[in-house]
Amino acid sequence: MPWPRCGLGWLCILLVICSVVTVLSSYCVALSHGHIYPFLPAISETGVLFPEKYVFRELTNLTAFLFISNAFVRFMQYKLVAEQCREEHVKLRRLNKLAFVVAILAGVGMTFVANFEIEKDWSIHDIGAMTAFFSGLLYCWLQCAMSYKLRDHGVINSSAVCHSRVTVSLLITFCVAIFGACQTKANWEWDQARPRYHFLAKLKWSPEDPGYFYHVVSNVAEWSMCGGMLLFMLTFAHEFQQIEITSDISSTDYW
């Protein structure tokens, strides 16, 4: 039997694969060197020390590039399809541009997380993490609105796809809220009980340490949030199947 048409759907799949490989490989390297407590560390904690930080940096940069690539394909697709909606063409075009800018911010935030190390106080790493999380969340909600717009005009999206994207976005929003609240509580309890400990001691945050419960809950929310964003991006795979990249070289000036 012939292979099913893939088009640019492979970009979504490659993004998911690269993301999973990133966190699992850096986790395994960090664990093999005894740098982290094995049960549900924060994602960033798996890429702090040598040698796992270099694995984490390289693969996270690649993941950010793939995320922006997916967002660019969606931007171009939406730009072409929105032209069929004459009465709302200008509004859809502005919404599309806004979503693409937000996606770029999320991707740049990911590179900050990868390339700037964790510090005791607020740092570029933390700013990058917040940018990536909130921009990624905003991108999901913008794409939900854009999907419903095209569905209402009878183009591309079905109601099932639109509803599934909203469901995943709600899950991500819930995880972001839980992550922020529990991480703040966990760090506060740690700092109150152990103000003189080096901040990297948190890499081995264990059940005997203060704030461990909230630490685990925040990490579960963080992993779920990232998984939800990957699932959201995977919903574009079917639509991207209809897109292919071709080249047309017509000039003969150099021959």
Protein backbone atom coordinates (compact mmCIF):
# COMPACT_ATOMS: atom_id res chain seq x y z
CA MET A 1 0.00 0.00 0.00
CA PRO A 2 1.26 3.54 -0.73
CA TRP A 3 2.41 5.73 2.15
CA PRO A 4 -0.20 8.27 3.28
CA ARG A 5 0.31 11.86 2.19
CA CYS A 6 2.49 13.57 4.78
CA GLY A 7 3.20 17.03 3.36
CA LEU A 8 4.58 19.27 6.11
CA GLY A 9 2.80 17.25 8.78
CA TRP A 10 6.19 15.77 9.58
CA LEU A 11 7.19 19.13 11.11
CA CYS A 12 4.65 18.71 13.93
CA ILE A 13 5.75 15.13 14.54
CA LEU A 14 9.43 16.10 14.49
CA LEU A 15 8.77 18.85 17.05
CA VAL A 16 7.18 16.36 19.44
CA ILE A 17 9.96 13.80 18.95
CA CYS A 18 12.71 16.38 19.46
CA SER A 19 11.04 17.74 22.61
CA VAL A 20 10.68 14.28 24.15
CA VAL A 21 14.27 13.37 23.28
CA THR A 22 15.47 16.65 24.83
CA VAL A 23 13.94 16.13 28.25
CA LEU A 24 14.57 12.38 28.42
CA SER A 25 18.21 12.55 27.31
CA SER A 26 19.15 15.39 29.65
CA TYR A 27 17.25 13.67 32.50
CA CYS A 28 19.08 10.38 31.92
CA VAL A 29 22.49 12.04 31.76
CA ALA A 30 21.82 14.09 34.91
CA LEU A 31 20.51 11.05 36.75
CA SER A 32 23.46 8.87 35.69
CA HIS A 33 25.83 11.45 37.22
CA GLY A 34 23.78 11.76 40.42
CA HIS A 35 23.04 15.44 39.87
CA ILE A 36 19.27 15.33 40.49
CA TYR A 37 16.74 13.62 42.71
CA PRO A 38 15.18 11.01 40.40
CA PHE A 39 11.48 11.58 41.14
CA LEU A 40 9.96 14.35 39.00
CA PRO A 41 12.58 17.11 38.92
CA ALA A 42 11.77 20.38 37.19
CA ILE A 43 12.54 20.30 33.48
CA SER A 44 15.19 23.02 33.77
CA GLU A 45 16.89 21.14 36.60
CA THR A 46 17.83 18.34 34.20
CA GLY A 47 20.12 20.74 32.31
CA VAL A 48 22.01 22.67 34.99
CA LEU A 49 25.33 20.90 35.56
CA PHE A 50 28.02 19.48 33.30
CA PRO A 51 27.67 17.43 31.08
CA GLU A 52 23.87 17.35 30.78
CA LYS A 53 23.60 21.11 30.34
CA TYR A 54 25.22 20.90 26.91
CA VAL A 55 22.78 18.21 25.79
CA PHE A 56 19.89 20.28 27.13
CA ARG A 57 21.09 23.48 25.45
CA GLU A 58 21.67 22.00 22.02
CA LEU A 59 18.41 20.07 21.83
CA THR A 60 16.30 22.86 23.35
CA ASN A 61 17.65 25.30 20.76
CA LEU A 62 16.67 22.80 18.05
CA THR A 63 13.22 22.42 19.62
CA ALA A 64 12.75 26.21 19.65
CA PHE A 65 13.70 26.35 15.96
CA LEU A 66 11.19 23.62 15.12
CA PHE A 67 8.48 25.37 17.13
CA ILE A 68 8.99 28.63 15.23
CA SER A 69 9.10 26.66 11.95
CA ASN A 70 5.71 25.13 12.74
CA ALA A 71 4.36 28.55 13.64
CA PHE A 72 5.66 29.97 10.35
CA VAL A 73 3.96 27.22 8.32
CA ARG A 74 0.72 27.90 10.19
CA PHE A 75 1.15 31.63 9.56
CA MET A 76 1.57 31.14 5.81
CA GLN A 77 -1.29 28.63 5.65
CA TYR A 78 -3.65 30.90 7.53
CA LYS A 79 -2.60 33.87 5.41
CA LEU A 80 -3.57 32.08 2.21
CA VAL A 81 -6.77 30.55 3.51
CA ALA A 82 -7.97 33.76 5.22
CA GLU A 83 -8.02 35.49 1.85
CA GLN A 84 -11.15 33.46 1.10
CA CYS A 85 -12.93 35.26 3.94
CA ARG A 86 -13.32 38.61 2.24
CA GLU A 87 -15.51 40.29 4.84
CA GLU A 88 -13.03 39.62 7.68
CA HIS A 89 -9.79 39.45 5.73
CA VAL A 90 -8.15 42.44 7.45
CA LYS A 91 -9.10 41.27 10.95
CA LEU A 92 -7.87 37.73 10.30
CA ARG A 93 -4.62 39.00 8.83
CA ARG A 94 -3.88 41.09 11.93
CA LEU A 95 -4.78 38.21 14.22
CA ASN A 96 -2.48 35.93 12.21
CA LYS A 97 0.45 38.36 12.49
CA LEU A 98 -0.09 38.74 16.22
CA ALA A 99 -0.07 34.96 16.72
CA PHE A 100 3.17 34.60 14.76
CA VAL A 101 4.90 37.34 16.79
CA VAL A 102 3.77 35.64 20.01
CA ALA A 103 5.13 32.32 18.72
CA ILE A 104 8.51 33.93 18.03
CA LEU A 105 8.56 35.30 21.59
CA ALA A 106 7.85 31.81 22.93
CA GLY A 107 10.65 30.32 20.83
CA VAL A 108 13.14 33.01 21.91
CA GLY A 109 12.11 32.41 25.52
CA MET A 110 12.97 28.73 25.08
CA THR A 111 16.47 29.65 23.89
CA PHE A 112 16.92 31.83 26.98
CA VAL A 113 15.96 28.88 29.16
CA ALA A 114 18.49 26.72 27.33
CA ASN A 115 21.45 29.10 27.21
CA PHE A 116 21.28 31.06 30.48
CA GLU A 117 21.88 29.15 33.68
CA ILE A 118 19.68 29.06 36.77
CA GLU A 119 20.71 31.57 39.44
CA LYS A 120 19.66 32.20 43.01
CA ASP A 121 17.63 35.30 42.23
CA TRP A 122 15.65 36.30 39.17
CA SER A 123 17.74 35.92 36.03
CA ILE A 124 17.48 35.86 32.24
CA HIS A 125 16.75 32.13 32.58
CA ASP A 126 13.64 32.84 34.66
CA ILE A 127 12.53 35.65 32.37
CA GLY A 128 12.94 33.31 29.41
CA ALA A 129 10.90 30.60 31.14
CA MET A 130 8.04 33.00 31.91
CA THR A 131 8.16 34.35 28.36
CA ALA A 132 8.07 30.85 26.89
CA PHE A 133 5.22 29.68 29.13
CA PHE A 134 2.92 32.68 28.85
CA SER A 135 3.64 33.35 25.17
CA GLY A 136 3.07 29.67 24.40
CA LEU A 137 -0.23 29.78 26.29
CA LEU A 138 -1.31 32.96 24.50
CA TYR A 139 -0.37 31.40 21.16
CA CYS A 140 -2.63 28.44 21.88
CA TRP A 141 -5.60 30.66 22.69
CA LEU A 142 -5.01 32.83 19.62
CA GLN A 143 -4.95 29.73 17.44
CA CYS A 144 -8.21 28.59 19.04
CA ALA A 145 -9.85 31.87 18.09
CA MET A 146 -8.39 31.68 14.59
CA SER A 147 -9.60 28.11 14.15
CA TYR A 148 -13.17 29.05 15.05
CA LYS A 149 -13.01 31.97 12.63
CA LEU A 150 -12.10 29.69 9.73
CA ARG A 151 -14.67 27.09 10.79
CA ASP A 152 -17.39 29.73 10.71
CA HIS A 153 -16.42 30.46 7.12
CA GLY A 154 -16.39 26.77 6.21
CA VAL A 155 -12.63 26.62 5.69
CA ILE A 156 -10.10 24.06 7.04
CA ASN A 157 -11.24 23.45 10.61
CA SER A 158 -14.04 21.24 11.87
CA SER A 159 -15.88 21.76 15.16
CA ALA A 160 -14.13 18.72 16.64
CA VAL A 161 -10.68 20.21 15.96
CA CYS A 162 -11.69 23.58 17.37
CA HIS A 163 -13.19 22.05 20.53
CA SER A 164 -10.15 19.81 21.07
CA ARG A 165 -7.83 22.81 20.85
CA VAL A 166 -9.90 24.70 23.40
CA THR A 167 -9.85 21.67 25.73
CA VAL A 168 -6.06 21.39 25.51
CA SER A 169 -5.69 25.16 26.02
CA LEU A 170 -7.83 24.98 29.16
CA LEU A 171 -5.61 22.17 30.45
CA ILE A 172 -2.48 24.21 29.77
CA THR A 173 -3.99 27.27 31.50
CA PHE A 174 -4.83 25.21 34.57
CA CYS A 175 -1.30 23.77 34.65
CA VAL A 176 0.29 27.22 34.36
CA ALA A 177 -1.75 28.45 37.34
CA ILE A 178 -0.90 25.40 39.46
CA PHE A 179 2.75 25.58 38.46
CA GLY A 180 3.12 29.24 39.43
CA ALA A 181 1.30 28.92 42.75
CA CYS A 182 2.97 25.69 43.92
CA GLN A 183 6.46 26.68 42.81
CA THR A 184 6.19 29.95 44.73
CA LYS A 185 4.97 28.11 47.83
CA ALA A 186 7.69 25.43 47.58
CA ASN A 187 10.52 27.95 47.21
CA TRP A 188 9.16 30.05 50.08
CA GLU A 189 9.09 27.06 52.46
CA TRP A 190 12.61 26.02 51.39
CA ASP A 191 14.05 29.52 51.84
CA GLN A 192 12.39 29.93 55.23
CA ALA A 193 13.81 26.67 56.55
CA ARG A 194 17.20 26.73 54.79
CA PRO A 195 18.19 30.30 53.98
CA ARG A 196 21.93 29.55 53.96
CA TYR A 197 21.84 26.54 51.64
CA HIS A 198 23.29 26.94 48.16
CA PHE A 199 20.42 27.29 45.69
CA LEU A 200 21.74 24.36 43.61
CA ALA A 201 20.97 22.09 46.58
CA LYS A 202 17.39 22.19 45.28
CA LEU A 203 18.49 19.89 42.44
CA LYS A 204 18.29 17.07 44.98
CA TRP A 205 15.05 18.22 46.60
CA SER A 206 13.88 15.09 48.40
CA PRO A 207 10.87 14.13 50.58
CA GLU A 208 12.83 15.08 53.73
CA ASP A 209 13.19 18.68 52.57
CA PRO A 210 10.70 21.51 53.30
CA GLY A 211 8.23 22.33 50.53
CA TYR A 212 8.76 19.01 48.78
CA PHE A 213 5.05 18.32 48.23
CA TYR A 214 4.48 21.65 46.50
CA HIS A 215 7.72 21.15 44.58
CA VAL A 216 6.44 17.86 43.14
CA VAL A 217 3.01 19.29 42.34
CA SER A 218 4.58 22.24 40.50
CA ASN A 219 6.82 19.88 38.53
CA VAL A 220 3.86 17.68 37.58
CA ALA A 221 2.08 20.81 36.38
CA GLU A 222 5.17 21.92 34.43
CA TRP A 223 5.59 18.57 32.67
CA SER A 224 1.85 18.42 31.95
CA MET A 225 1.90 21.97 30.62
CA CYS A 226 4.72 21.19 28.19
CA GLY A 227 3.01 17.97 27.17
CA GLY A 228 -0.21 19.89 26.55
CA MET A 229 1.57 22.38 24.30
CA LEU A 230 3.09 19.56 22.28
CA LEU A 231 -0.32 17.94 21.97
CA PHE A 232 -1.74 21.26 20.80
CA MET A 233 0.93 21.61 18.11
CA LEU A 234 0.26 18.04 17.03
CA THR A 235 -3.32 19.00 16.14
CA PHE A 236 -1.92 20.88 13.13
CA ALA A 237 -0.41 17.73 11.61
CA HIS A 238 -3.52 16.83 9.64
CA GLU A 239 -3.86 20.33 8.21
CA PHE A 240 -0.16 20.49 7.34
CA GLN A 241 -0.51 17.26 5.34
CA GLN A 242 -1.95 19.31 2.50
CA ILE A 243 1.12 21.58 2.35
CA GLU A 244 4.32 20.82 0.45
CA ILE A 245 7.49 22.80 -0.21
CA THR A 246 8.51 22.98 -3.86
CA SER A 247 11.15 24.92 -5.76
CA ASP A 248 10.95 26.30 -9.28
CA ILE A 249 14.24 27.34 -10.87
CA SER A 250 13.40 29.02 -14.14
CA SER A 251 16.36 31.32 -14.77
CA THR A 252 18.99 30.25 -17.33
CA ASP A 253 21.27 33.29 -16.94
CA TYR A 254 24.01 31.22 -15.34
CA TRP A 255 24.08 28.42 -17.91
